[in-house]
Amino acid sequence: MSAGSENLVILIGRAGKDPDMRFTPGGKAVTTLSLATNENWTDQNGERQQRTEWHRLVFWHTNAENCAKLVTKGRQLYIIGRLQTRSWEDRNGNKRYVTEIHVTKWQLLDSMNRSEEEGTKTGTREDSHDGSLDASGSDPDYLQDIPF
């Protein structure tokens, strides 16, 4: 039996800024957001320490639109997604890389104020794309449309 593999990320953190929604040349909504997670521990001297890790999130389609409508800086989110690293050449010809979390499911964890509650009963959003590769083994078409 061969071993399988899984690309699964689960995070709970706070939005570091308001979402940035754009559209691909093909008209597909894509929203990016930074998410902060904190690690707390006590060092050898008994002093409390904290480290913040920043994650770049990418939302697609309905997830992108809902994120842009509901999320603001500081909101607490529960995220399920997959890691994806992409590369490009910068203006100087240097190869650059970025690792992102492509969100497949998400939920707001903190309470909404009254104006945000209008039009939605839950912050749960699920994308219709399952994140799998197509039969050729390449990324789905919408990943080729990233405008940034």
C-alpha atoms as a PDB file:
ATOM      1  CA  MET A   1       0.000   0.000   0.000  1.00  0.00           C
ATOM      2  CA  SER A   2       1.370   3.413  -0.910  1.00  0.00           C
ATOM      3  CA  ALA A   3       1.203   6.275   1.516  1.00  0.00           C
ATOM      4  CA  GLY A   4      -1.131   9.142   0.637  1.00  0.00           C
ATOM      5  CA  SER A   5      -0.515  12.785   1.183  1.00  0.00           C
ATOM      6  CA  GLU A   6      -2.519  15.683   2.520  1.00  0.00           C
ATOM      7  CA  ASN A   7      -2.140  19.451   2.240  1.00  0.00           C
ATOM      8  CA  LEU A   8      -4.277  20.830   5.050  1.00  0.00           C
ATOM      9  CA  VAL A   9      -3.887  24.015   7.082  1.00  0.00           C
ATOM     10  CA  ILE A  10      -6.089  24.955  10.044  1.00  0.00           C
ATOM     11  CA  LEU A  11      -5.603  28.351  11.682  1.00  0.00           C
ATOM     12  CA  ILE A  12      -7.318  30.502  14.270  1.00  0.00           C
ATOM     13  CA  GLY A  13      -6.148  34.089  14.260  1.00  0.00           C
ATOM     14  CA  ARG A  14      -7.023  37.726  13.761  1.00  0.00           C
ATOM     15  CA  ALA A  15      -7.194  39.731  10.544  1.00  0.00           C
ATOM     16  CA  GLY A  16      -4.193  42.034  10.354  1.00  0.00           C
ATOM     17  CA  LYS A  17      -5.874  44.446   7.933  1.00  0.00           C
ATOM     18  CA  ASP A  18      -9.082  44.845   5.993  1.00  0.00           C
ATOM     19  CA  PRO A  19      -9.429  42.396   3.067  1.00  0.00           C
ATOM     20  CA  ASP A  20      -8.259  43.416  -0.417  1.00  0.00           C
ATOM     21  CA  MET A  21     -10.674  42.174  -3.114  1.00  0.00           C
ATOM     22  CA  ARG A  22      -9.755  42.248  -6.795  1.00  0.00           C
ATOM     23  CA  PHE A  23     -10.942  40.571  -9.946  1.00  0.00           C
ATOM     24  CA  THR A  24      -8.943  38.456 -12.375  1.00  0.00           C
ATOM     25  CA  PRO A  25      -8.968  39.437 -16.064  1.00  0.00           C
ATOM     26  CA  GLY A  26     -11.567  36.654 -16.435  1.00  0.00           C
ATOM     27  CA  GLY A  27     -13.845  38.341 -13.859  1.00  0.00           C
ATOM     28  CA  LYS A  28     -13.265  35.952 -10.938  1.00  0.00           C
ATOM     29  CA  ALA A  29     -13.236  37.481  -7.441  1.00  0.00           C
ATOM     30  CA  VAL A  30     -10.062  36.985  -5.387  1.00  0.00           C
ATOM     31  CA  THR A  31      -9.487  38.460  -1.936  1.00  0.00           C
ATOM     32  CA  THR A  32      -6.236  38.513   0.031  1.00  0.00           C
ATOM     33  CA  LEU A  33      -5.931  38.993   3.753  1.00  0.00           C
ATOM     34  CA  SER A  34      -3.163  38.797   6.335  1.00  0.00           C
ATOM     35  CA  LEU A  35      -3.885  36.699   9.424  1.00  0.00           C
ATOM     36  CA  ALA A  36      -1.896  36.856  12.672  1.00  0.00           C
ATOM     37  CA  THR A  37      -1.488  33.833  14.942  1.00  0.00           C
ATOM     38  CA  ASN A  38       0.280  34.027  18.291  1.00  0.00           C
ATOM     39  CA  GLU A  39       2.416  31.511  20.135  1.00  0.00           C
ATOM     40  CA  ASN A  40       2.811  32.041  23.888  1.00  0.00           C
ATOM     41  CA  TRP A  41       5.305  30.345  26.202  1.00  0.00           C
ATOM     42  CA  THR A  42       7.303  30.830  29.372  1.00  0.00           C
ATOM     43  CA  ASP A  43      11.072  31.007  28.910  1.00  0.00           C
ATOM     44  CA  GLN A  44      13.786  29.543  31.170  1.00  0.00           C
ATOM     45  CA  ASN A  45      13.683  32.652  33.370  1.00  0.00           C
ATOM     46  CA  GLY A  46       9.948  32.293  33.976  1.00  0.00           C
ATOM     47  CA  GLU A  47       9.103  35.267  31.755  1.00  0.00           C
ATOM     48  CA  ARG A  48       6.127  35.129  29.387  1.00  0.00           C
ATOM     49  CA  GLN A  49       7.090  35.326  25.729  1.00  0.00           C
ATOM     50  CA  GLN A  50       4.992  35.758  22.610  1.00  0.00           C
ATOM     51  CA  ARG A  51       5.724  35.351  18.911  1.00  0.00           C
ATOM     52  CA  THR A  52       3.363  36.468  16.139  1.00  0.00           C
ATOM     53  CA  GLU A  53       3.325  34.613  12.832  1.00  0.00           C
ATOM     54  CA  TRP A  54       1.753  36.281   9.769  1.00  0.00           C
ATOM     55  CA  HIS A  55      -0.046  34.240   7.121  1.00  0.00           C
ATOM     56  CA  ARG A  56      -1.150  35.349   3.656  1.00  0.00           C
ATOM     57  CA  LEU A  57      -4.669  34.086   2.916  1.00  0.00           C
ATOM     58  CA  VAL A  58      -6.273  33.868  -0.534  1.00  0.00           C
ATOM     59  CA  PHE A  59     -10.052  33.543  -0.934  1.00  0.00           C
ATOM     60  CA  TRP A  60     -11.741  32.787  -4.285  1.00  0.00           C
ATOM     61  CA  HIS A  61     -15.208  33.251  -5.801  1.00  0.00           C
ATOM     62  CA  THR A  62     -18.053  33.540  -3.260  1.00  0.00           C
ATOM     63  CA  ASN A  63     -15.578  33.117  -0.418  1.00  0.00           C
ATOM     64  CA  ALA A  64     -13.714  36.180  -1.721  1.00  0.00           C
ATOM     65  CA  GLU A  65     -16.870  38.283  -1.924  1.00  0.00           C
ATOM     66  CA  ASN A  66     -18.123  37.240   1.524  1.00  0.00           C
ATOM     67  CA  CYS A  67     -14.729  37.814   3.124  1.00  0.00           C
ATOM     68  CA  ALA A  68     -14.579  41.329   1.669  1.00  0.00           C
ATOM     69  CA  LYS A  69     -18.086  42.064   3.023  1.00  0.00           C
ATOM     70  CA  LEU A  70     -17.774  40.557   6.513  1.00  0.00           C
ATOM     71  CA  VAL A  71     -14.145  40.711   7.633  1.00  0.00           C
ATOM     72  CA  THR A  72     -12.452  43.785   9.036  1.00  0.00           C
ATOM     73  CA  LYS A  73      -9.109  44.301  10.749  1.00  0.00           C
ATOM     74  CA  GLY A  74      -9.032  42.582  14.140  1.00  0.00           C
ATOM     75  CA  ARG A  75     -11.830  40.053  13.484  1.00  0.00           C
ATOM     76  CA  GLN A  76     -11.097  36.533  14.728  1.00  0.00           C
ATOM     77  CA  LEU A  77     -11.273  33.836  12.040  1.00  0.00           C
ATOM     78  CA  TYR A  78     -11.197  30.043  11.857  1.00  0.00           C
ATOM     79  CA  ILE A  79      -9.537  29.027   8.569  1.00  0.00           C
ATOM     80  CA  ILE A  80      -9.250  25.731   6.701  1.00  0.00           C
ATOM     81  CA  GLY A  81      -7.204  25.683   3.528  1.00  0.00           C
ATOM     82  CA  ARG A  82      -4.159  24.393   1.717  1.00  0.00           C
ATOM     83  CA  LEU A  83      -0.604  25.686   1.299  1.00  0.00           C
ATOM     84  CA  GLN A  84       0.478  26.823  -2.120  1.00  0.00           C
ATOM     85  CA  THR A  85       3.814  28.353  -3.110  1.00  0.00           C
ATOM     86  CA  ARG A  86       4.122  30.354  -6.294  1.00  0.00           C
ATOM     87  CA  SER A  87       7.054  32.122  -7.899  1.00  0.00           C
ATOM     88  CA  TRP A  88       7.709  35.029 -10.250  1.00  0.00           C
ATOM     89  CA  GLU A  89      10.554  37.239 -11.434  1.00  0.00           C
ATOM     90  CA  ASP A  90      10.813  40.719  -9.940  1.00  0.00           C
ATOM     91  CA  ARG A  91      11.797  43.857 -11.889  1.00  0.00           C
ATOM     92  CA  ASN A  92      15.481  43.049 -11.402  1.00  0.00           C
ATOM     93  CA  GLY A  93      15.134  39.518 -12.764  1.00  0.00           C
ATOM     94  CA  ASN A  94      15.388  37.844  -9.336  1.00  0.00           C
ATOM     95  CA  LYS A  95      13.235  34.803  -8.673  1.00  0.00           C
ATOM     96  CA  ARG A  96      10.799  35.504  -5.824  1.00  0.00           C
ATOM     97  CA  TYR A  97       8.560  33.107  -3.901  1.00  0.00           C
ATOM     98  CA  VAL A  98       5.478  33.459  -1.711  1.00  0.00           C
ATOM     99  CA  THR A  99       3.664  30.758   0.252  1.00  0.00           C
ATOM    100  CA  GLU A 100      -0.057  31.351   0.651  1.00  0.00           C
ATOM    101  CA  ILE A 101      -2.997  29.596   2.254  1.00  0.00           C
ATOM    102  CA  HIS A 102      -5.795  29.110  -0.254  1.00  0.00           C
ATOM    103  CA  VAL A 103      -8.895  29.116   1.927  1.00  0.00           C
ATOM    104  CA  THR A 104     -11.544  26.452   1.299  1.00  0.00           C
ATOM    105  CA  LYS A 105     -13.667  26.978   4.445  1.00  0.00           C
ATOM    106  CA  TRP A 106     -13.804  29.737   7.008  1.00  0.00           C
ATOM    107  CA  GLN A 107     -15.836  31.074   9.886  1.00  0.00           C
ATOM    108  CA  LEU A 108     -15.968  34.266  11.910  1.00  0.00           C
ATOM    109  CA  LEU A 109     -15.376  33.430  15.579  1.00  0.00           C
ATOM    110  CA  ASP A 110     -16.080  36.741  17.255  1.00  0.00           C
ATOM    111  CA  SER A 111     -19.504  38.311  17.563  1.00  0.00           C
ATOM    112  CA  MET A 112     -20.764  40.677  14.896  1.00  0.00           C
ATOM    113  CA  ASN A 113     -22.309  44.046  15.568  1.00  0.00           C
ATOM    114  CA  ARG A 114     -25.927  44.637  14.505  1.00  0.00           C
ATOM    115  CA  SER A 115     -25.166  46.205  11.130  1.00  0.00           C
ATOM    116  CA  GLU A 116     -22.960  43.242  10.166  1.00  0.00           C
ATOM    117  CA  GLU A 117     -25.627  40.742  11.232  1.00  0.00           C
ATOM    118  CA  GLU A 118     -28.084  42.059   8.654  1.00  0.00           C
ATOM    119  CA  GLY A 119     -28.146  39.773   5.650  1.00  0.00           C
ATOM    120  CA  THR A 120     -26.295  36.873   7.267  1.00  0.00           C
ATOM    121  CA  LYS A 121     -27.068  34.468  10.084  1.00  0.00           C
ATOM    122  CA  THR A 122     -23.614  32.835  10.127  1.00  0.00           C
ATOM    123  CA  GLY A 123     -20.080  33.707   9.170  1.00  0.00           C
ATOM    124  CA  THR A 124     -19.490  30.233   7.729  1.00  0.00           C
ATOM    125  CA  ARG A 125     -18.493  30.252   4.087  1.00  0.00           C
ATOM    126  CA  GLU A 126     -17.449  27.335   1.928  1.00  0.00           C
ATOM    127  CA  ASP A 127     -15.896  27.562  -1.520  1.00  0.00           C
ATOM    128  CA  SER A 128     -17.214  25.319  -4.267  1.00  0.00           C
ATOM    129  CA  HIS A 129     -13.675  24.554  -5.477  1.00  0.00           C
ATOM    130  CA  ASP A 130     -12.125  21.599  -3.675  1.00  0.00           C
ATOM    131  CA  GLY A 131      -8.508  22.563  -4.329  1.00  0.00           C
ATOM    132  CA  SER A 132      -7.666  19.430  -6.295  1.00  0.00           C
ATOM    133  CA  LEU A 133      -5.541  19.347  -9.422  1.00  0.00           C
ATOM    134  CA  ASP A 134      -7.100  18.627 -12.793  1.00  0.00           C
ATOM    135  CA  ALA A 135      -6.431  15.402 -14.720  1.00  0.00           C
ATOM    136  CA  SER A 136      -3.257  16.824 -16.306  1.00  0.00           C
ATOM    137  CA  GLY A 137      -1.752  17.443 -12.861  1.00  0.00           C
ATOM    138  CA  SER A 138      -1.630  21.205 -13.324  1.00  0.00           C
ATOM    139  CA  ASP A 139      -3.263  23.896 -11.235  1.00  0.00           C
ATOM    140  CA  PRO A 140      -6.903  24.700 -11.959  1.00  0.00           C
ATOM    141  CA  ASP A 141      -7.438  27.458 -14.537  1.00  0.00           C
ATOM    142  CA  TYR A 142      -8.430  30.108 -12.013  1.00  0.00           C
ATOM    143  CA  LEU A 143      -4.972  29.966 -10.388  1.00  0.00           C
ATOM    144  CA  GLN A 144      -3.439  31.198 -13.650  1.00  0.00           C
ATOM    145  CA  ASP A 145      -5.543  34.391 -13.437  1.00  0.00           C
ATOM    146  CA  ILE A 146      -3.948  35.785 -10.254  1.00  0.00           C
ATOM    147  CA  PRO A 147      -3.412  39.492 -10.980  1.00  0.00           C
ATOM    148  CA  PHE A 148      -0.648  39.981  -8.385  1.00  0.00           C
END
